[in-house]
Amino acid sequence: MLEFSKYKKVNNKLSVRLPDDIDTMLRKIAKKEEMSFNNVLVSCIEYALSETDLSKYENVKLEDEN
């Protein structure tokens, strides 16, 4: 089950384009849960990743990795 958490150790900034309906729903959740939009978004992403088989991505090298 998805639970919303507050994150203190977030240090990567990025811009994300979201469809209007997703943006609206995330903002409603943030308001109802009295959390920041960012915390709701990170919680949703973490939940989605925890429900996904990530094993096929473990050996993928990113360009900025040493």
Foldseek 3Di string as FASTA:
>chain_A
DQDFDDDDPDDDDDDDDDPPVVLVVLVVVCVVVVHDSVSSVVSVVVVVVVVDDCVVVPPDDDPPDD
